[in-house]
Amino acid sequence: MQKELSPTAATATPTTAMPATATPTRRPRSPARALRRLREDAGAATAEYLVATMAAVGFAGLLIVILRGNEVRGILTELVRNALSVG
């Protein structure tokens, strides 16, 4: 025969469980370790800015090459002439 558990016995925690105020054991955090972790990521933002800047410079160079072409220059000149000759 199985013994039925009372509602309080069914929800009770085992005696081996940690109290709510206890923290799991781990290495204590040292200031030197925290500083080391910060130094490892110190240049990450700078590297991201460098990549974005280099992409912008490459795009600007491509636009300069395209806009210096005779065909594009003719299109832009014709556009300006049409805009100035109203009537």
C-alpha atoms as a PDB file:
ATOM      1  CA  MET A   1       0.000   0.000   0.000  1.00  0.00           C
ATOM      2  CA  GLN A   2       1.165   3.447  -0.816  1.00  0.00           C
ATOM      3  CA  LYS A   3       0.995   6.109   1.777  1.00  0.00           C
ATOM      4  CA  GLU A   4      -0.754   9.249   0.594  1.00  0.00           C
ATOM      5  CA  LEU A   5       1.106  12.505   1.083  1.00  0.00           C
ATOM      6  CA  SER A   6      -0.524  15.482   2.636  1.00  0.00           C
ATOM      7  CA  PRO A   7      -0.614  18.680   0.515  1.00  0.00           C
ATOM      8  CA  THR A   8       2.159  20.263   2.604  1.00  0.00           C
ATOM      9  CA  ALA A   9       4.364  17.184   2.323  1.00  0.00           C
ATOM     10  CA  ALA A  10       3.977  17.109  -1.467  1.00  0.00           C
ATOM     11  CA  THR A  11       5.201  20.698  -1.850  1.00  0.00           C
ATOM     12  CA  ALA A  12       7.936  20.567   0.762  1.00  0.00           C
ATOM     13  CA  THR A  13      11.507  20.890  -0.417  1.00  0.00           C
ATOM     14  CA  PRO A  14      13.976  18.110   0.255  1.00  0.00           C
ATOM     15  CA  THR A  15      16.318  18.607   3.163  1.00  0.00           C
ATOM     16  CA  THR A  16      19.333  18.591   0.842  1.00  0.00           C
ATOM     17  CA  ALA A  17      18.155  21.676  -1.044  1.00  0.00           C
ATOM     18  CA  MET A  18      20.039  24.931  -0.520  1.00  0.00           C
ATOM     19  CA  PRO A  19      18.363  27.647   1.481  1.00  0.00           C
ATOM     20  CA  ALA A  20      17.046  30.564  -0.554  1.00  0.00           C
ATOM     21  CA  THR A  21      19.812  32.857   0.707  1.00  0.00           C
ATOM     22  CA  ALA A  22      22.650  30.515  -0.249  1.00  0.00           C
ATOM     23  CA  THR A  23      24.523  31.028  -3.507  1.00  0.00           C
ATOM     24  CA  PRO A  24      26.131  28.279  -5.525  1.00  0.00           C
ATOM     25  CA  THR A  25      29.830  27.899  -4.969  1.00  0.00           C
ATOM     26  CA  ARG A  26      32.021  29.528  -7.603  1.00  0.00           C
ATOM     27  CA  ARG A  27      35.306  31.286  -7.810  1.00  0.00           C
ATOM     28  CA  PRO A  28      35.278  34.654  -6.112  1.00  0.00           C
ATOM     29  CA  ARG A  29      35.441  37.560  -8.526  1.00  0.00           C
ATOM     30  CA  SER A  30      38.696  39.401  -8.347  1.00  0.00           C
ATOM     31  CA  PRO A  31      39.211  42.987  -9.507  1.00  0.00           C
ATOM     32  CA  ALA A  32      42.164  41.882 -11.632  1.00  0.00           C
ATOM     33  CA  ARG A  33      40.007  39.338 -13.442  1.00  0.00           C
ATOM     34  CA  ALA A  34      37.324  41.948 -14.111  1.00  0.00           C
ATOM     35  CA  LEU A  35      39.908  44.392 -15.488  1.00  0.00           C
ATOM     36  CA  ARG A  36      41.368  41.679 -17.714  1.00  0.00           C
ATOM     37  CA  ARG A  37      37.932  40.980 -19.203  1.00  0.00           C
ATOM     38  CA  LEU A  38      37.389  44.690 -19.853  1.00  0.00           C
ATOM     39  CA  ARG A  39      40.756  45.003 -21.590  1.00  0.00           C
ATOM     40  CA  GLU A  40      39.968  42.084 -23.890  1.00  0.00           C
ATOM     41  CA  ASP A  41      36.972  43.985 -25.337  1.00  0.00           C
ATOM     42  CA  ALA A  42      38.574  47.431 -25.239  1.00  0.00           C
ATOM     43  CA  GLY A  43      39.231  47.699 -28.995  1.00  0.00           C
ATOM     44  CA  ALA A  44      36.026  46.057 -30.227  1.00  0.00           C
ATOM     45  CA  ALA A  45      34.100  49.305 -30.795  1.00  0.00           C
ATOM     46  CA  THR A  46      37.102  50.930 -32.473  1.00  0.00           C
ATOM     47  CA  ALA A  47      37.430  47.995 -34.862  1.00  0.00           C
ATOM     48  CA  GLU A  48      33.734  48.218 -35.747  1.00  0.00           C
ATOM     49  CA  TYR A  49      34.071  51.943 -36.471  1.00  0.00           C
ATOM     50  CA  LEU A  50      37.114  51.222 -38.631  1.00  0.00           C
ATOM     51  CA  VAL A  51      35.227  48.651 -40.714  1.00  0.00           C
ATOM     52  CA  ALA A  52      32.277  51.022 -41.201  1.00  0.00           C
ATOM     53  CA  THR A  53      34.588  53.915 -42.121  1.00  0.00           C
ATOM     54  CA  MET A  54      36.496  51.808 -44.638  1.00  0.00           C
ATOM     55  CA  ALA A  55      33.219  50.688 -46.234  1.00  0.00           C
ATOM     56  CA  ALA A  56      32.106  54.328 -46.533  1.00  0.00           C
ATOM     57  CA  VAL A  57      35.434  55.335 -48.084  1.00  0.00           C
ATOM     58  CA  GLY A  58      35.178  52.484 -50.587  1.00  0.00           C
ATOM     59  CA  PHE A  59      31.632  53.484 -51.525  1.00  0.00           C
ATOM     60  CA  ALA A  60      32.679  57.136 -51.935  1.00  0.00           C
ATOM     61  CA  GLY A  61      35.549  56.081 -54.188  1.00  0.00           C
ATOM     62  CA  LEU A  62      33.189  54.018 -56.311  1.00  0.00           C
ATOM     63  CA  LEU A  63      30.817  56.976 -56.665  1.00  0.00           C
ATOM     64  CA  ILE A  64      33.684  59.242 -57.729  1.00  0.00           C
ATOM     65  CA  VAL A  65      34.747  56.787 -60.429  1.00  0.00           C
ATOM     66  CA  ILE A  66      31.173  56.471 -61.700  1.00  0.00           C
ATOM     67  CA  LEU A  67      30.462  60.212 -61.676  1.00  0.00           C
ATOM     68  CA  ARG A  68      33.679  61.063 -63.523  1.00  0.00           C
ATOM     69  CA  GLY A  69      32.591  59.043 -66.541  1.00  0.00           C
ATOM     70  CA  ASN A  70      31.642  60.956 -69.718  1.00  0.00           C
ATOM     71  CA  GLU A  71      28.209  59.370 -69.912  1.00  0.00           C
ATOM     72  CA  VAL A  72      27.207  60.396 -66.404  1.00  0.00           C
ATOM     73  CA  ARG A  73      28.684  63.865 -66.916  1.00  0.00           C
ATOM     74  CA  GLY A  74      26.560  64.265 -70.054  1.00  0.00           C
ATOM     75  CA  ILE A  75      23.418  63.137 -68.234  1.00  0.00           C
ATOM     76  CA  LEU A  76      24.021  65.574 -65.369  1.00  0.00           C
ATOM     77  CA  THR A  77      24.810  68.445 -67.762  1.00  0.00           C
ATOM     78  CA  GLU A  78      21.632  67.796 -69.725  1.00  0.00           C
ATOM     79  CA  LEU A  79      19.637  67.656 -66.477  1.00  0.00           C
ATOM     80  CA  VAL A  80      20.989  71.042 -65.373  1.00  0.00           C
ATOM     81  CA  ARG A  81      20.355  72.592 -68.829  1.00  0.00           C
ATOM     82  CA  ASN A  82      16.752  71.353 -68.792  1.00  0.00           C
ATOM     83  CA  ALA A  83      16.223  72.714 -65.293  1.00  0.00           C
ATOM     84  CA  LEU A  84      17.623  76.149 -66.182  1.00  0.00           C
ATOM     85  CA  SER A  85      15.799  76.516 -69.510  1.00  0.00           C
ATOM     86  CA  VAL A  86      12.258  76.856 -68.256  1.00  0.00           C
ATOM     87  CA  GLY A  87       9.784  77.758 -70.927  1.00  0.00           C
END
